[in-house]
Amino acid sequence: MLERLGINAKEAEKTLMVASSEKKNQALKKIAEGLIENTDKIIEANKVDLENGEKNGMAKSMLDRLKLDKERIEGMAKGVLDVATLPEPVGRILSATERPNGLRIEKVSTPIGVIAVIFEARPDAMVQIASLCIKSGNCAILKGGSETRETNKLLFELIYEAALSSGLPQGCLFQ
């Protein structure tokens, strides 16, 4: 299964790497809108994770990191919009030199391709990582902790739907 995820992500990377700033920023704006529009659903999914965490004896500090409320979701949405306002990272000339024979050599920023990230009981991490990967033209395979299963499932669906509806390639994100 993991091999198949990697293969699918490698296929999608070819398109995402050259996606326009407009498409990527549109996806980010739609992600932020989706977070705000689905605040109640996110809080309900998060409530299930919190109840499971309490039943399993999760430490209070972990429960606090896991908890989402309206203010935290609004903060997540603002963070996504902040990423959208960042300058386009792909194609930036980082340095350039000219050789005595006139040959110009440039160091240009490019996407890595596919990034796999494992993170703990922090549902906000799902949103942050996906947003940064989209902005930088990288596909992402995201694996959150089991403590955030319901919340991450819903967040991923919102993020992926926003990405696809903005014209980003199927398979640009996996959970």
Protein backbone atom coordinates (compact mmCIF):
# COMPACT_ATOMS: atom_id res chain seq x y z
CA MET A 1 0.00 0.00 0.00
CA LEU A 2 2.77 2.48 0.87
CA GLU A 3 4.54 1.68 -2.37
CA ARG A 4 1.34 2.46 -4.30
CA LEU A 5 0.98 5.80 -2.44
CA GLY A 6 4.52 6.70 -3.40
CA ILE A 7 4.01 5.77 -7.04
CA ASN A 8 0.78 7.80 -7.24
CA ALA A 9 2.42 10.78 -5.56
CA LYS A 10 5.38 10.60 -7.98
CA GLU A 11 2.91 10.77 -10.87
CA ALA A 12 1.13 13.79 -9.39
CA GLU A 13 4.40 15.60 -8.63
CA LYS A 14 5.02 16.17 -12.34
CA THR A 15 1.93 18.36 -12.52
CA LEU A 16 2.14 19.98 -9.08
CA MET A 17 5.77 21.02 -9.60
CA VAL A 18 4.74 23.27 -12.48
CA ALA A 19 1.37 24.41 -11.12
CA SER A 20 0.88 28.15 -11.33
CA SER A 21 1.03 30.38 -8.28
CA GLU A 22 -2.59 31.25 -8.95
CA LYS A 23 -3.74 27.62 -8.75
CA LYS A 24 -1.75 26.95 -5.59
CA ASN A 25 -2.93 30.14 -3.91
CA GLN A 26 -6.51 29.44 -4.95
CA ALA A 27 -6.25 26.01 -3.31
CA LEU A 28 -4.91 27.60 -0.13
CA LYS A 29 -7.75 30.13 -0.05
CA LYS A 30 -10.27 27.33 -0.53
CA ILE A 31 -8.66 25.37 2.30
CA ALA A 32 -9.06 28.38 4.60
CA GLU A 33 -12.68 28.83 3.51
CA GLY A 34 -13.35 25.11 4.04
CA LEU A 35 -11.98 25.29 7.56
CA ILE A 36 -14.23 28.22 8.46
CA GLU A 37 -17.31 26.80 6.72
CA ASN A 38 -16.88 23.43 8.43
CA THR A 39 -15.92 24.64 11.89
CA ASP A 40 -18.83 22.83 13.57
CA LYS A 41 -18.03 19.53 11.80
CA ILE A 42 -14.36 19.84 12.72
CA ILE A 43 -15.23 20.47 16.37
CA GLU A 44 -17.55 17.44 16.38
CA ALA A 45 -14.88 15.16 14.88
CA ASN A 46 -12.36 16.57 17.33
CA LYS A 47 -14.76 15.89 20.21
CA VAL A 48 -14.66 12.16 19.34
CA ASP A 49 -10.85 12.21 19.42
CA LEU A 50 -10.86 14.08 22.75
CA GLU A 51 -13.30 11.58 24.29
CA ASN A 52 -11.18 8.67 23.08
CA GLY A 53 -8.07 10.36 24.46
CA GLU A 54 -9.67 10.83 27.86
CA LYS A 55 -10.82 7.18 27.91
CA ASN A 56 -7.28 6.07 27.06
CA GLY A 57 -5.74 8.18 29.83
CA MET A 58 -4.09 10.74 27.59
CA ALA A 59 -2.18 13.40 29.53
CA LYS A 60 -3.90 16.75 29.97
CA SER A 61 -1.14 18.52 28.01
CA MET A 62 -1.69 16.16 25.06
CA LEU A 63 -5.45 16.69 25.24
CA ASP A 64 -4.87 20.43 25.08
CA ARG A 65 -2.71 20.08 21.94
CA LEU A 66 -5.39 17.87 20.41
CA LYS A 67 -8.30 20.20 21.20
CA LEU A 68 -9.73 22.40 18.47
CA ASP A 69 -12.22 25.17 19.08
CA LYS A 70 -13.54 28.02 16.95
CA GLU A 71 -10.58 30.29 17.75
CA ARG A 72 -7.98 27.64 16.94
CA ILE A 73 -9.71 26.79 13.67
CA GLU A 74 -9.83 30.48 12.75
CA GLY A 75 -6.11 30.64 13.56
CA MET A 76 -5.46 27.66 11.31
CA ALA A 77 -7.39 29.34 8.48
CA LYS A 78 -5.43 32.56 8.97
CA GLY A 79 -2.19 30.59 8.86
CA VAL A 80 -3.19 29.06 5.53
CA LEU A 81 -4.02 32.50 4.13
CA ASP A 82 -0.65 33.77 5.39
CA VAL A 83 1.07 31.00 3.42
CA ALA A 84 -0.89 32.07 0.31
CA THR A 85 0.54 35.60 0.61
CA LEU A 86 4.14 34.39 0.71
CA PRO A 87 6.20 34.99 -2.43
CA GLU A 88 6.28 32.14 -4.92
CA PRO A 89 9.14 29.87 -3.83
CA VAL A 90 9.41 27.84 -7.03
CA GLY A 91 11.73 29.20 -9.69
CA ARG A 92 13.45 31.80 -7.51
CA ILE A 93 17.03 32.44 -8.52
CA LEU A 94 19.02 31.85 -5.34
CA SER A 95 22.40 32.72 -6.79
CA ALA A 96 23.98 33.31 -10.17
CA THR A 97 27.48 33.55 -11.52
CA GLU A 98 28.89 34.21 -14.93
CA ARG A 99 31.91 32.28 -16.12
CA PRO A 100 34.72 34.01 -18.01
CA ASN A 101 33.49 32.36 -21.22
CA GLY A 102 30.04 34.00 -20.75
CA LEU A 103 28.27 30.90 -19.46
CA ARG A 104 25.74 31.93 -16.80
CA ILE A 105 25.18 29.43 -13.98
CA GLU A 106 22.12 29.83 -11.77
CA LYS A 107 20.99 28.09 -8.63
CA VAL A 108 17.18 27.97 -8.86
CA SER A 109 14.74 26.76 -6.19
CA THR A 110 12.68 23.76 -7.23
CA PRO A 111 10.23 21.46 -5.44
CA ILE A 112 11.63 18.36 -3.77
CA GLY A 113 8.84 16.23 -5.25
CA VAL A 114 7.20 14.05 -2.62
CA ILE A 115 7.45 14.69 1.10
CA ALA A 116 6.33 12.11 3.67
CA VAL A 117 5.58 13.48 7.13
CA ILE A 118 4.66 11.68 10.34
CA PHE A 119 3.33 13.89 13.12
CA GLU A 120 1.76 13.37 16.53
CA ALA A 121 -1.53 14.44 18.11
CA ARG A 122 -1.61 17.89 16.55
CA PRO A 123 -4.43 18.32 14.06
CA ASP A 124 -3.15 21.79 13.18
CA ALA A 125 0.01 20.12 11.85
CA MET A 126 -2.02 18.44 9.08
CA VAL A 127 -3.17 21.84 7.83
CA GLN A 128 0.22 23.52 8.19
CA ILE A 129 2.18 20.78 6.44
CA ALA A 130 -0.30 20.40 3.59
CA SER A 131 -0.38 24.18 3.04
CA LEU A 132 3.39 24.51 2.93
CA CYS A 133 3.69 21.53 0.59
CA ILE A 134 1.08 22.94 -1.79
CA LYS A 135 2.72 26.38 -1.82
CA SER A 136 6.15 24.88 -2.52
CA GLY A 137 4.85 22.56 -5.26
CA ASN A 138 5.47 19.35 -3.33
CA CYS A 139 3.19 16.35 -3.01
CA ALA A 140 2.70 15.14 0.54
CA ILE A 141 2.04 11.83 2.24
CA LEU A 142 0.69 12.73 5.68
CA LYS A 143 0.49 10.42 8.68
CA GLY A 144 -0.95 11.81 11.88
CA GLY A 145 -1.10 10.10 15.23
CA SER A 146 -3.96 7.71 15.94
CA GLU A 147 -5.10 10.10 18.68
CA THR A 148 -6.33 12.50 15.97
CA ARG A 149 -7.88 9.96 13.62
CA GLU A 150 -11.35 11.53 13.25
CA THR A 151 -10.15 15.12 13.16
CA ASN A 152 -7.38 14.42 10.64
CA LYS A 153 -9.70 12.40 8.45
CA LEU A 154 -12.09 15.35 8.11
CA LEU A 155 -9.30 17.92 7.76
CA PHE A 156 -7.67 15.86 5.04
CA GLU A 157 -10.94 15.56 3.13
CA LEU A 158 -11.42 19.35 3.25
CA ILE A 159 -7.85 20.03 2.15
CA TYR A 160 -7.88 17.47 -0.65
CA GLU A 161 -11.24 18.66 -1.98
CA ALA A 162 -9.96 22.25 -2.05
CA ALA A 163 -6.80 21.17 -3.87
CA LEU A 164 -8.66 19.20 -6.53
CA SER A 165 -11.33 21.87 -7.06
CA SER A 166 -8.53 24.38 -7.69
CA GLY A 167 -7.06 22.27 -10.45
CA LEU A 168 -4.23 20.61 -8.55
CA PRO A 169 -3.55 17.00 -9.56
CA GLN A 170 -5.26 13.99 -8.05
CA GLY A 171 -2.75 12.32 -5.79
CA CYS A 172 -1.00 15.54 -4.75
CA LEU A 173 -1.85 14.67 -1.13
CA PHE A 174 -2.29 11.33 0.62
CA GLN A 175 -3.23 10.37 4.12
